[in-house]
């Protein structure tokens, strides 16, 4: 399945810098239906392996309004990978993003890696994971649009996620200063340096915008990481100011951040929203295991 590259934005619409009327209408509708707490996003599933039409509609509606939904049901430990792919397809997520650290089926088991190449990467450790969107290092023609996380076992302590709808981050920045959006929409605003791993093709530097608009759907897309060592920001005072404003927003300046510690049997279905994770501690009889599947598709009610 081919994926069209992200573009800087459409000529008209809520994300066009010169269409204030469309932006205001979209903004007002968005802010009229804010989730006050994680439970507002939660849908209970009788059997995650056989989602009913009503459950599917409830999850899709939350993703339509908030770009994310939480779900909970009986823990599916056996055959989790097959179930997870089938669950994702229920929401139009089929074009799996197979990255070099994922297993052969493209799904990643997020657990502490004792050895091997995974142990060098933060998601496979118990250390805190800073704010990001998944796949920020992907080339622009292969963006990660959709994401599913599923918790089989939580840690003995810690491992809480913070979640922020990227559209709300956009609103906060645009309302503060439209120049922040213009700066972060530049095609070379954020560059991910090249990377090379033994036995893997070298990954070239990946320049691109933070904010872009999907030409197929008109949806807002965001690529971002707060990891200083893994990003080079454009040497531009406007970009510097915009990044500072975004970091301030994510580090205590935004009332729309939701915090949730997922228990066994809970999961996240989303359009690759901003998220992070606190550090955690495993116990001999309680090792954190979260499955992650990333897709080039957006969530739909397919």
Protein backbone atom coordinates (compact mmCIF):
# COMPACT_ATOMS: atom_id res chain seq x y z
CA UNK A 1 0.00 0.00 0.00
CA UNK A 2 1.56 3.28 -1.06
CA UNK A 3 1.70 6.20 1.35
CA UNK A 4 1.66 9.78 0.15
CA UNK A 5 4.19 12.14 1.73
CA UNK A 6 3.05 14.78 4.17
CA UNK A 7 2.72 18.33 2.86
CA UNK A 8 2.93 21.71 4.55
CA UNK A 9 -0.82 22.23 4.39
CA UNK A 10 -3.86 22.75 2.16
CA UNK A 11 -4.71 26.09 0.53
CA UNK A 12 -7.81 26.44 2.75
CA UNK A 13 -9.11 24.85 5.93
CA UNK A 14 -8.52 25.03 9.69
CA UNK A 15 -4.79 24.41 9.37
CA UNK A 16 -4.18 27.01 6.66
CA UNK A 17 -2.52 30.11 8.16
CA UNK A 18 -4.75 32.51 6.22
CA UNK A 19 -8.10 30.81 6.92
CA UNK A 20 -8.93 32.25 10.33
CA UNK A 21 -12.65 31.58 10.01
CA UNK A 22 -12.18 27.86 9.37
CA UNK A 23 -9.65 27.62 12.19
CA UNK A 24 -12.00 29.34 14.64
CA UNK A 25 -14.90 27.03 13.77
CA UNK A 26 -12.72 23.95 14.11
CA UNK A 27 -11.08 25.20 17.32
CA UNK A 28 -14.39 26.00 19.01
CA UNK A 29 -15.82 22.60 18.13
CA UNK A 30 -12.67 20.86 19.37
CA UNK A 31 -12.60 22.69 22.71
CA UNK A 32 -16.31 22.11 23.30
CA UNK A 33 -15.75 18.38 23.84
CA UNK A 34 -12.59 18.01 25.91
CA UNK A 35 -12.05 14.88 28.00
CA UNK A 36 -11.66 15.89 31.64
CA UNK A 37 -10.03 12.65 32.74
CA UNK A 38 -8.76 9.41 31.21
CA UNK A 39 -11.99 7.61 32.06
CA UNK A 40 -13.76 9.86 29.53
CA UNK A 41 -11.76 8.04 26.84
CA UNK A 42 -12.31 4.54 28.22
CA UNK A 43 -14.43 1.89 26.51
CA UNK A 44 -15.06 -1.46 28.19
CA UNK A 45 -14.81 -4.51 25.91
CA UNK A 46 -16.58 -7.72 26.83
CA UNK A 47 -14.13 -9.70 24.68
CA UNK A 48 -11.25 -7.81 22.98
CA UNK A 49 -11.03 -10.61 20.41
CA UNK A 50 -14.61 -9.99 19.24
CA UNK A 51 -15.35 -6.27 19.39
CA UNK A 52 -19.06 -5.56 19.01
CA UNK A 53 -20.48 -2.92 16.69
CA UNK A 54 -21.38 -0.72 19.65
CA UNK A 55 -17.89 -1.03 21.16
CA UNK A 56 -16.28 -0.29 17.80
CA UNK A 57 -18.46 2.79 17.33
CA UNK A 58 -17.60 4.07 20.81
CA UNK A 59 -13.86 3.69 20.23
CA UNK A 60 -14.00 5.24 16.76
CA UNK A 61 -16.02 8.20 18.05
CA UNK A 62 -13.46 8.93 20.76
CA UNK A 63 -10.68 8.79 18.21
CA UNK A 64 -12.64 11.10 15.91
CA UNK A 65 -13.11 13.68 18.67
CA UNK A 66 -9.87 13.27 20.62
CA UNK A 67 -7.53 11.30 18.32
CA UNK A 68 -7.32 8.58 20.99
CA UNK A 69 -9.32 6.07 23.00
CA UNK A 70 -8.52 3.81 25.92
CA UNK A 71 -9.99 0.34 26.13
CA UNK A 72 -10.13 -2.37 28.79
CA UNK A 73 -11.22 -5.99 28.83
CA UNK A 74 -10.09 -9.44 29.94
CA UNK A 75 -6.34 -9.93 29.52
CA UNK A 76 -5.44 -11.64 26.24
CA UNK A 77 -2.08 -13.24 26.92
CA UNK A 78 -2.13 -16.14 24.44
CA UNK A 79 -2.16 -15.26 20.76
CA UNK A 80 -1.86 -11.57 21.57
CA UNK A 81 -0.13 -10.71 18.31
CA UNK A 82 -2.78 -12.28 16.05
CA UNK A 83 -5.54 -10.68 18.09
CA UNK A 84 -3.84 -7.29 18.05
CA UNK A 85 -3.55 -7.27 14.25
CA UNK A 86 -7.21 -8.28 13.90
CA UNK A 87 -8.27 -5.63 16.42
CA UNK A 88 -6.32 -2.96 14.52
CA UNK A 89 -7.88 -3.94 11.19
CA UNK A 90 -11.28 -3.36 12.76
CA UNK A 91 -10.32 0.33 12.79
CA UNK A 92 -8.74 0.52 9.35
CA UNK A 93 -5.18 0.00 10.63
CA UNK A 94 -3.58 -2.47 8.26
CA UNK A 95 -0.39 -0.95 6.81
CA UNK A 96 1.99 -1.94 9.60
CA UNK A 97 5.18 0.07 10.12
CA UNK A 98 7.85 -2.61 10.46
CA UNK A 99 10.86 -1.08 12.16
CA UNK A 100 14.24 -2.67 12.77
CA UNK A 101 13.58 -3.45 16.46
CA UNK A 102 10.15 -4.98 15.94
CA UNK A 103 9.70 -8.74 15.77
CA UNK A 104 9.23 -10.49 12.42
CA UNK A 105 5.50 -9.77 12.45
CA UNK A 106 6.15 -6.04 12.85
CA UNK A 107 4.87 -5.88 16.45
CA UNK A 108 7.21 -4.74 19.22
CA UNK A 109 7.21 -6.27 22.72
CA UNK A 110 8.06 -3.32 24.97
CA UNK A 111 9.81 -4.90 27.92
CA UNK A 112 13.24 -4.48 29.49
CA UNK A 113 15.81 -6.04 27.15
CA UNK A 114 18.60 -7.85 28.98
CA UNK A 115 20.86 -7.98 25.93
CA UNK A 116 20.97 -7.43 22.17
CA UNK A 117 20.49 -4.21 20.18
CA UNK A 118 17.20 -3.31 21.89
CA UNK A 119 18.85 -2.55 25.22
CA UNK A 120 20.42 0.60 23.68
CA UNK A 121 16.96 2.09 23.01
CA UNK A 122 14.89 3.76 25.74
CA UNK A 123 11.53 2.00 25.01
CA UNK A 124 13.22 -1.31 25.86
CA UNK A 125 14.55 -0.10 29.22
CA UNK A 126 12.93 0.94 32.50
CA UNK A 127 14.12 4.53 32.14
CA UNK A 128 11.72 7.46 31.58
CA UNK A 129 10.61 7.99 27.99
CA UNK A 130 10.30 11.68 27.09
CA UNK A 131 7.55 13.36 25.06
CA UNK A 132 7.35 12.20 21.45
CA UNK A 133 5.20 10.93 18.64
CA UNK A 134 6.08 7.51 17.28
CA UNK A 135 8.12 7.20 14.11
CA UNK A 136 9.47 10.75 14.22
CA UNK A 137 12.61 9.42 12.51
CA UNK A 138 10.69 7.86 9.60
CA UNK A 139 11.01 9.35 6.11
CA UNK A 140 8.14 11.68 5.26
CA UNK A 141 6.57 9.23 2.82
CA UNK A 142 6.23 6.65 5.62
CA UNK A 143 4.67 8.54 8.54
CA UNK A 144 3.27 6.68 11.54
CA UNK A 145 -0.35 7.79 11.60
CA UNK A 146 -1.91 5.14 13.85
CA UNK A 147 -0.77 3.40 17.03
CA UNK A 148 -2.04 0.59 19.26
CA UNK A 149 -0.57 -0.23 22.67
CA UNK A 150 -1.74 -3.20 24.72
CA UNK A 151 -0.68 -4.02 28.28
CA UNK A 152 -0.31 -7.69 29.16
CA UNK A 153 1.49 -6.96 32.45
CA UNK A 154 2.23 -3.69 34.21
CA UNK A 155 5.37 -3.00 36.26
CA UNK A 156 5.61 -3.39 40.01
CA UNK A 157 5.98 0.41 40.26
CA UNK A 158 5.78 3.31 37.79
CA UNK A 159 5.23 3.23 34.05
CA UNK A 160 2.59 5.96 33.89
CA UNK A 161 1.81 7.55 30.53
CA UNK A 162 1.03 11.19 29.82
CA UNK A 163 -1.12 11.75 26.73
CA UNK A 164 -1.86 14.90 24.75
CA UNK A 165 -3.93 15.16 21.59
CA UNK A 166 -1.54 16.80 19.11
CA UNK A 167 -4.41 18.95 17.81
CA UNK A 168 -4.67 20.54 21.26
CA UNK A 169 -0.94 21.26 21.22
CA UNK A 170 -1.45 22.93 17.84
CA UNK A 171 -4.29 25.06 19.25
CA UNK A 172 -2.27 26.14 22.27
CA UNK A 173 0.69 27.18 20.12
CA UNK A 174 -1.38 28.91 17.44
CA UNK A 175 -3.40 30.84 20.02
CA UNK A 176 -0.20 31.95 21.75
CA UNK A 177 1.51 33.01 18.52
CA UNK A 178 0.63 31.91 14.96
CA UNK A 179 4.31 32.35 14.17
CA UNK A 180 5.04 29.24 16.20
CA UNK A 181 2.99 27.16 13.75
CA UNK A 182 4.63 28.78 10.74
CA UNK A 183 8.07 28.05 12.18
CA UNK A 184 7.32 24.42 13.02
CA UNK A 185 5.69 23.82 9.63
CA UNK A 186 8.89 24.60 7.73
CA UNK A 187 10.07 21.58 5.72
CA UNK A 188 13.42 21.57 7.51
CA UNK A 189 12.30 22.61 11.00
CA UNK A 190 13.39 19.34 12.62
CA UNK A 191 16.07 16.95 11.39
CA UNK A 192 16.74 13.51 12.82
CA UNK A 193 20.45 12.70 12.41
CA UNK A 194 21.56 9.63 10.44
CA UNK A 195 21.84 6.31 12.22
CA UNK A 196 23.58 3.03 11.49
CA UNK A 197 23.16 -0.32 13.21
CA UNK A 198 25.18 -3.50 12.51
CA UNK A 199 23.40 -5.64 9.95
CA UNK A 200 20.92 -2.88 9.06
CA UNK A 201 20.85 -0.48 6.09
CA UNK A 202 22.06 2.95 7.21
CA UNK A 203 19.29 5.45 7.90
CA UNK A 204 20.02 8.86 6.34
CA UNK A 205 19.23 12.14 8.03
CA UNK A 206 15.50 12.83 8.04
CA UNK A 207 14.57 16.53 7.79
CA UNK A 208 10.92 17.54 7.92
CA UNK A 209 8.27 19.68 9.60
CA UNK A 210 6.80 19.19 13.05
CA UNK A 211 3.29 20.03 11.85
CA UNK A 212 1.98 18.97 8.46
CA UNK A 213 -1.35 18.11 6.89
CA UNK A 214 -2.18 14.79 5.30
CA UNK A 215 -3.08 15.54 1.66
CA UNK A 216 -5.39 12.51 1.51
CA UNK A 217 -7.48 13.20 4.62
CA UNK A 218 -6.79 16.82 5.56
CA UNK A 219 -5.86 15.61 9.06
CA UNK A 220 -3.14 17.26 11.12
CA UNK A 221 0.02 15.21 11.57
CA UNK A 222 2.81 15.82 14.06
CA UNK A 223 6.35 14.46 14.33
CA UNK A 224 8.27 15.40 17.46
CA UNK A 225 10.74 14.24 20.05
CA UNK A 226 11.98 15.98 23.18
CA UNK A 227 15.21 13.94 23.16
CA UNK A 228 17.96 16.51 22.67
CA UNK A 229 20.52 13.98 21.39
CA UNK A 230 18.17 12.69 18.68
CA UNK A 231 17.12 15.91 16.96
CA UNK A 232 18.70 18.92 15.28
CA UNK A 233 16.47 21.99 15.19
CA UNK A 234 16.78 24.51 12.40
CA UNK A 235 19.04 27.42 13.28
CA UNK A 236 16.26 29.98 13.14
CA UNK A 237 15.11 32.29 15.98
CA UNK A 238 11.47 31.59 15.14
CA UNK A 239 12.03 27.83 15.40
CA UNK A 240 13.95 28.25 18.66
CA UNK A 241 11.09 30.27 20.14
CA UNK A 242 8.47 27.80 18.92
CA UNK A 243 10.33 24.80 20.34
CA UNK A 244 10.69 26.57 23.68
CA UNK A 245 6.96 27.28 23.71
CA UNK A 246 6.16 23.66 22.84
CA UNK A 247 8.49 22.31 25.53
CA UNK A 248 6.95 24.67 28.07
CA UNK A 249 3.52 23.44 27.08
CA UNK A 250 4.47 19.79 27.50
CA UNK A 251 6.35 20.29 30.75
CA UNK A 252 3.61 21.67 32.91
CA UNK A 253 2.02 24.45 30.90
CA UNK A 254 -0.93 22.56 29.39
CA UNK A 255 -4.12 21.70 31.30
CA UNK A 256 -5.17 19.21 28.61
CA UNK A 257 -2.52 16.58 29.39
CA UNK A 258 -4.04 13.33 30.65
CA UNK A 259 -2.09 10.94 32.87
CA UNK A 260 -2.91 7.25 33.03
CA UNK A 261 -1.16 4.10 34.19
CA UNK A 262 -2.38 1.22 32.08
CA UNK A 263 -3.21 -1.99 33.94
CA UNK A 264 -3.21 -5.50 32.44
CA UNK A 265 -5.91 -5.77 29.82
CA UNK A 266 -5.88 -2.05 29.02
CA UNK A 267 -4.78 -0.49 25.76
CA UNK A 268 -4.51 2.69 23.73
CA UNK A 269 -5.88 3.17 20.21
CA UNK A 270 -4.84 6.50 18.69
CA UNK A 271 -3.81 8.67 15.77
CA UNK A 272 -0.21 8.85 17.07
CA UNK A 273 -0.82 11.47 19.74
CA UNK A 274 1.92 13.00 21.87
CA UNK A 275 2.87 10.73 24.77
CA UNK A 276 5.55 9.90 27.29
CA UNK A 277 6.19 7.35 30.03
CA UNK A 278 7.65 7.59 33.50
CA UNK A 279 10.40 5.24 34.62
CA UNK A 280 9.35 2.00 36.24
CA UNK A 281 10.57 -0.88 38.39
CA UNK A 282 9.95 -4.54 37.63
CA UNK A 283 9.83 -7.26 40.27
CA UNK A 284 10.98 -10.89 39.88
CA UNK A 285 7.37 -11.99 39.50
CA UNK A 286 6.07 -8.90 37.69
CA UNK A 287 7.79 -7.87 34.45
CA UNK A 288 6.20 -5.09 32.43
CA UNK A 289 5.11 -6.18 28.94
CA UNK A 290 3.33 -3.88 26.50
CA UNK A 291 2.80 -4.74 22.85
CA UNK A 292 3.09 -1.92 20.33
CA UNK A 293 1.84 -1.87 16.75
CA UNK A 294 2.42 1.19 14.55
CA UNK A 295 0.65 1.87 11.27
CA UNK A 296 0.81 4.17 8.29
CA UNK A 297 -3.00 4.40 8.42
CA UNK A 298 -5.22 6.60 10.58
CA UNK A 299 -7.93 5.19 12.81
CA UNK A 300 -11.27 4.85 11.05
CA UNK A 301 -14.55 3.04 11.63
CA UNK A 302 -13.76 0.51 8.88
